[in-house]
């Protein structure tokens, strides 16, 4: 299990970094002023320059991606129920996300901003979880169907 945890963390780090650069790329296209906006302006101001902000954001994104990736090992604990896996995974990723989002200025720094971010995060998490659950359920149903038809053939 520890080996898988480390493998997932090593995979998650570059994915986290990639996502942190793809999102600003899409935002920059959406803004449409022909400039790349790699970080939130408030972060650049707080860290003294855009370069400092990009460097810190890259480092934080690697760590955040590693934590998020490593948390996927929770789904491999077979003696836990799906409810327990989901609850623990959600708590872990929220505990990782909120300080990162607050520090990186990805959310408004107010009670409403934090609650809104948690709500949006939970909604996105629920949609992804439901989609993955439906896909897994479909695969299980197909396997069961194949087993039943195989048993009838014998």
C-alpha atoms as a PDB file:
ATOM      1  CA  UNK A   1       0.000   0.000   0.000  1.00  0.00           C
ATOM      2  CA  UNK A   2       2.835   2.368   0.866  1.00  0.00           C
ATOM      3  CA  UNK A   3       4.388   1.732  -2.547  1.00  0.00           C
ATOM      4  CA  UNK A   4       1.119   2.622  -4.316  1.00  0.00           C
ATOM      5  CA  UNK A   5       0.797   5.735  -2.147  1.00  0.00           C
ATOM      6  CA  UNK A   6       4.244   6.907  -3.317  1.00  0.00           C
ATOM      7  CA  UNK A   7       3.528   5.978  -6.949  1.00  0.00           C
ATOM      8  CA  UNK A   8       0.285   7.962  -6.901  1.00  0.00           C
ATOM      9  CA  UNK A   9       2.038  10.930  -5.286  1.00  0.00           C
ATOM     10  CA  UNK A  10       4.777  10.888  -7.941  1.00  0.00           C
ATOM     11  CA  UNK A  11       2.143  10.751 -10.663  1.00  0.00           C
ATOM     12  CA  UNK A  12       0.005  13.432  -9.028  1.00  0.00           C
ATOM     13  CA  UNK A  13       2.790  16.015  -8.710  1.00  0.00           C
ATOM     14  CA  UNK A  14       3.298  16.674 -12.451  1.00  0.00           C
ATOM     15  CA  UNK A  15      -0.446  16.422 -13.051  1.00  0.00           C
ATOM     16  CA  UNK A  16      -1.015  19.107 -10.417  1.00  0.00           C
ATOM     17  CA  UNK A  17       1.608  21.302 -12.035  1.00  0.00           C
ATOM     18  CA  UNK A  18       0.093  20.761 -15.484  1.00  0.00           C
ATOM     19  CA  UNK A  19      -3.405  21.611 -14.334  1.00  0.00           C
ATOM     20  CA  UNK A  20      -2.123  24.751 -12.634  1.00  0.00           C
ATOM     21  CA  UNK A  21      -0.780  25.930 -15.982  1.00  0.00           C
ATOM     22  CA  UNK A  22      -3.701  24.796 -18.122  1.00  0.00           C
ATOM     23  CA  UNK A  23      -6.291  26.655 -16.057  1.00  0.00           C
ATOM     24  CA  UNK A  24      -4.524  30.048 -16.429  1.00  0.00           C
ATOM     25  CA  UNK A  25      -4.068  29.331 -20.120  1.00  0.00           C
ATOM     26  CA  UNK A  26      -7.829  28.881 -20.557  1.00  0.00           C
ATOM     27  CA  UNK A  27      -8.525  31.903 -18.359  1.00  0.00           C
ATOM     28  CA  UNK A  28      -6.087  33.978 -20.425  1.00  0.00           C
ATOM     29  CA  UNK A  29      -7.865  32.967 -23.638  1.00  0.00           C
ATOM     30  CA  UNK A  30     -11.179  33.848 -22.007  1.00  0.00           C
ATOM     31  CA  UNK A  31      -9.909  37.284 -20.929  1.00  0.00           C
ATOM     32  CA  UNK A  32      -8.873  37.801 -24.531  1.00  0.00           C
ATOM     33  CA  UNK A  33      -6.346  40.597 -24.130  1.00  0.00           C
ATOM     34  CA  UNK A  34      -3.520  38.645 -25.791  1.00  0.00           C
ATOM     35  CA  UNK A  35      -1.564  38.286 -22.534  1.00  0.00           C
ATOM     36  CA  UNK A  36      -0.878  35.202 -20.435  1.00  0.00           C
ATOM     37  CA  UNK A  37      -2.158  35.545 -16.864  1.00  0.00           C
ATOM     38  CA  UNK A  38      -0.259  32.798 -15.003  1.00  0.00           C
ATOM     39  CA  UNK A  39      -1.233  33.787 -11.462  1.00  0.00           C
ATOM     40  CA  UNK A  40      -3.822  35.792  -9.610  1.00  0.00           C
ATOM     41  CA  UNK A  41      -2.642  39.439  -9.515  1.00  0.00           C
ATOM     42  CA  UNK A  42      -3.101  39.542  -5.726  1.00  0.00           C
ATOM     43  CA  UNK A  43      -0.587  36.709  -5.342  1.00  0.00           C
ATOM     44  CA  UNK A  44       1.981  38.511  -7.491  1.00  0.00           C
ATOM     45  CA  UNK A  45       1.471  41.641  -5.418  1.00  0.00           C
ATOM     46  CA  UNK A  46       1.772  39.738  -2.129  1.00  0.00           C
ATOM     47  CA  UNK A  47       4.973  37.984  -3.252  1.00  0.00           C
ATOM     48  CA  UNK A  48       6.576  41.061  -4.783  1.00  0.00           C
ATOM     49  CA  UNK A  49       6.543  40.011  -8.435  1.00  0.00           C
ATOM     50  CA  UNK A  50       4.827  37.826 -10.974  1.00  0.00           C
ATOM     51  CA  UNK A  51       7.969  35.691 -11.268  1.00  0.00           C
ATOM     52  CA  UNK A  52       8.003  34.996  -7.518  1.00  0.00           C
ATOM     53  CA  UNK A  53       4.299  34.160  -7.648  1.00  0.00           C
ATOM     54  CA  UNK A  54       4.740  31.766 -10.580  1.00  0.00           C
ATOM     55  CA  UNK A  55       7.642  30.016  -8.822  1.00  0.00           C
ATOM     56  CA  UNK A  56       5.705  29.637  -5.570  1.00  0.00           C
ATOM     57  CA  UNK A  57       2.584  28.518  -7.426  1.00  0.00           C
ATOM     58  CA  UNK A  58       4.623  25.876  -9.291  1.00  0.00           C
ATOM     59  CA  UNK A  59       6.126  24.527  -6.055  1.00  0.00           C
ATOM     60  CA  UNK A  60       2.789  24.523  -4.266  1.00  0.00           C
ATOM     61  CA  UNK A  61       1.102  22.855  -7.267  1.00  0.00           C
ATOM     62  CA  UNK A  62       3.649  20.029  -7.263  1.00  0.00           C
ATOM     63  CA  UNK A  63       3.023  19.389  -3.571  1.00  0.00           C
ATOM     64  CA  UNK A  64      -0.742  19.779  -3.929  1.00  0.00           C
ATOM     65  CA  UNK A  65      -0.799  17.402  -6.908  1.00  0.00           C
ATOM     66  CA  UNK A  66       1.272  14.876  -4.966  1.00  0.00           C
ATOM     67  CA  UNK A  67      -1.117  14.994  -2.005  1.00  0.00           C
ATOM     68  CA  UNK A  68      -4.136  14.750  -4.274  1.00  0.00           C
ATOM     69  CA  UNK A  69      -2.561  11.862  -6.192  1.00  0.00           C
ATOM     70  CA  UNK A  70      -1.510  10.025  -3.039  1.00  0.00           C
ATOM     71  CA  UNK A  71      -5.028  10.346  -1.662  1.00  0.00           C
ATOM     72  CA  UNK A  72      -6.175   8.108  -4.515  1.00  0.00           C
ATOM     73  CA  UNK A  73      -4.658   5.187  -2.617  1.00  0.00           C
ATOM     74  CA  UNK A  74      -7.678   5.449  -0.320  1.00  0.00           C
ATOM     75  CA  UNK A  75      -9.767   3.841  -3.084  1.00  0.00           C
ATOM     76  CA  UNK A  76      -7.562   0.730  -2.902  1.00  0.00           C
ATOM     77  CA  UNK A  77      -8.454  -0.083   0.710  1.00  0.00           C
ATOM     78  CA  UNK A  78     -10.787  -2.978  -0.014  1.00  0.00           C
ATOM     79  CA  UNK A  79     -11.995  -3.588   3.528  1.00  0.00           C
ATOM     80  CA  UNK A  80     -13.471  -0.058   3.719  1.00  0.00           C
ATOM     81  CA  UNK A  81     -16.979   0.679   2.505  1.00  0.00           C
ATOM     82  CA  UNK A  82     -17.485   3.046  -0.418  1.00  0.00           C
ATOM     83  CA  UNK A  83     -19.020   5.523   2.045  1.00  0.00           C
ATOM     84  CA  UNK A  84     -15.937   5.416   4.279  1.00  0.00           C
ATOM     85  CA  UNK A  85     -13.567   5.702   1.313  1.00  0.00           C
ATOM     86  CA  UNK A  86     -15.518   8.657  -0.075  1.00  0.00           C
ATOM     87  CA  UNK A  87     -15.758  10.459   3.261  1.00  0.00           C
ATOM     88  CA  UNK A  88     -12.060  10.015   4.090  1.00  0.00           C
ATOM     89  CA  UNK A  89     -10.976  10.946   0.555  1.00  0.00           C
ATOM     90  CA  UNK A  90     -13.183  14.032   0.563  1.00  0.00           C
ATOM     91  CA  UNK A  91     -11.854  15.183   3.949  1.00  0.00           C
ATOM     92  CA  UNK A  92      -8.244  14.658   2.836  1.00  0.00           C
ATOM     93  CA  UNK A  93      -8.624  16.546  -0.443  1.00  0.00           C
ATOM     94  CA  UNK A  94     -10.594  19.381   1.171  1.00  0.00           C
ATOM     95  CA  UNK A  95      -7.952  19.629   3.913  1.00  0.00           C
ATOM     96  CA  UNK A  96      -5.303  19.910   1.186  1.00  0.00           C
ATOM     97  CA  UNK A  97      -7.293  22.199  -1.098  1.00  0.00           C
ATOM     98  CA  UNK A  98      -8.511  24.871   1.278  1.00  0.00           C
ATOM     99  CA  UNK A  99      -5.148  26.110   2.606  1.00  0.00           C
ATOM    100  CA  UNK A 100      -3.655  26.003  -0.896  1.00  0.00           C
ATOM    101  CA  UNK A 101      -6.587  27.887  -2.420  1.00  0.00           C
ATOM    102  CA  UNK A 102      -6.526  30.453   0.398  1.00  0.00           C
ATOM    103  CA  UNK A 103      -2.756  31.007   0.238  1.00  0.00           C
ATOM    104  CA  UNK A 104      -2.672  31.122  -3.564  1.00  0.00           C
ATOM    105  CA  UNK A 105      -5.559  33.627  -3.585  1.00  0.00           C
ATOM    106  CA  UNK A 106      -7.712  31.287  -5.672  1.00  0.00           C
ATOM    107  CA  UNK A 107     -10.664  32.273  -3.494  1.00  0.00           C
ATOM    108  CA  UNK A 108     -11.878  35.484  -1.923  1.00  0.00           C
ATOM    109  CA  UNK A 109     -10.422  35.827   1.539  1.00  0.00           C
ATOM    110  CA  UNK A 110     -13.687  36.118   3.427  1.00  0.00           C
ATOM    111  CA  UNK A 111     -16.153  33.799   5.119  1.00  0.00           C
ATOM    112  CA  UNK A 112     -18.414  33.979   2.061  1.00  0.00           C
ATOM    113  CA  UNK A 113     -15.423  33.331  -0.217  1.00  0.00           C
ATOM    114  CA  UNK A 114     -14.333  30.269   1.757  1.00  0.00           C
ATOM    115  CA  UNK A 115     -17.861  28.864   1.977  1.00  0.00           C
ATOM    116  CA  UNK A 116     -18.448  29.497  -1.731  1.00  0.00           C
ATOM    117  CA  UNK A 117     -15.187  27.754  -2.620  1.00  0.00           C
ATOM    118  CA  UNK A 118     -16.043  24.763  -0.425  1.00  0.00           C
ATOM    119  CA  UNK A 119     -19.497  24.595  -2.020  1.00  0.00           C
ATOM    120  CA  UNK A 120     -18.107  24.752  -5.542  1.00  0.00           C
ATOM    121  CA  UNK A 121     -15.430  22.190  -4.697  1.00  0.00           C
ATOM    122  CA  UNK A 122     -18.019  19.847  -3.150  1.00  0.00           C
ATOM    123  CA  UNK A 123     -20.298  20.197  -6.198  1.00  0.00           C
ATOM    124  CA  UNK A 124     -17.463  19.396  -8.621  1.00  0.00           C
ATOM    125  CA  UNK A 125     -16.347  16.506  -6.389  1.00  0.00           C
ATOM    126  CA  UNK A 126     -19.910  15.112  -6.338  1.00  0.00           C
ATOM    127  CA  UNK A 127     -20.266  15.291 -10.126  1.00  0.00           C
ATOM    128  CA  UNK A 128     -16.930  13.527 -10.686  1.00  0.00           C
ATOM    129  CA  UNK A 129     -17.683  10.937  -7.991  1.00  0.00           C
ATOM    130  CA  UNK A 130     -21.130  10.188  -9.439  1.00  0.00           C
ATOM    131  CA  UNK A 131     -19.713   9.831 -12.956  1.00  0.00           C
ATOM    132  CA  UNK A 132     -17.000   7.447 -11.765  1.00  0.00           C
ATOM    133  CA  UNK A 133     -19.480   5.485  -9.658  1.00  0.00           C
ATOM    134  CA  UNK A 134     -21.866   5.116 -12.606  1.00  0.00           C
ATOM    135  CA  UNK A 135     -19.029   3.926 -14.865  1.00  0.00           C
ATOM    136  CA  UNK A 136     -17.815   1.415 -12.260  1.00  0.00           C
ATOM    137  CA  UNK A 137     -21.360   0.209 -11.642  1.00  0.00           C
ATOM    138  CA  UNK A 138     -21.873  -0.312 -15.371  1.00  0.00           C
ATOM    139  CA  UNK A 139     -18.644  -2.327 -15.577  1.00  0.00           C
ATOM    140  CA  UNK A 140     -19.677  -4.480 -12.598  1.00  0.00           C
ATOM    141  CA  UNK A 141     -23.094  -5.092 -14.152  1.00  0.00           C
ATOM    142  CA  UNK A 142     -21.459  -6.140 -17.442  1.00  0.00           C
ATOM    143  CA  UNK A 143     -19.086  -8.503 -15.611  1.00  0.00           C
ATOM    144  CA  UNK A 144     -21.981 -10.015 -13.678  1.00  0.00           C
ATOM    145  CA  UNK A 145     -23.973 -10.421 -16.877  1.00  0.00           C
ATOM    146  CA  UNK A 146     -20.996 -12.185 -18.483  1.00  0.00           C
ATOM    147  CA  UNK A 147     -20.609 -14.477 -15.485  1.00  0.00           C
ATOM    148  CA  UNK A 148     -24.306 -15.404 -15.553  1.00  0.00           C
ATOM    149  CA  UNK A 149     -24.257 -16.134 -19.286  1.00  0.00           C
ATOM    150  CA  UNK A 150     -21.045 -18.158 -18.834  1.00  0.00           C
ATOM    151  CA  UNK A 151     -22.659 -20.186 -16.069  1.00  0.00           C
ATOM    152  CA  UNK A 152     -25.662 -20.931 -18.300  1.00  0.00           C
ATOM    153  CA  UNK A 153     -23.353 -22.197 -21.053  1.00  0.00           C
ATOM    154  CA  UNK A 154     -21.835 -24.862 -18.737  1.00  0.00           C
END
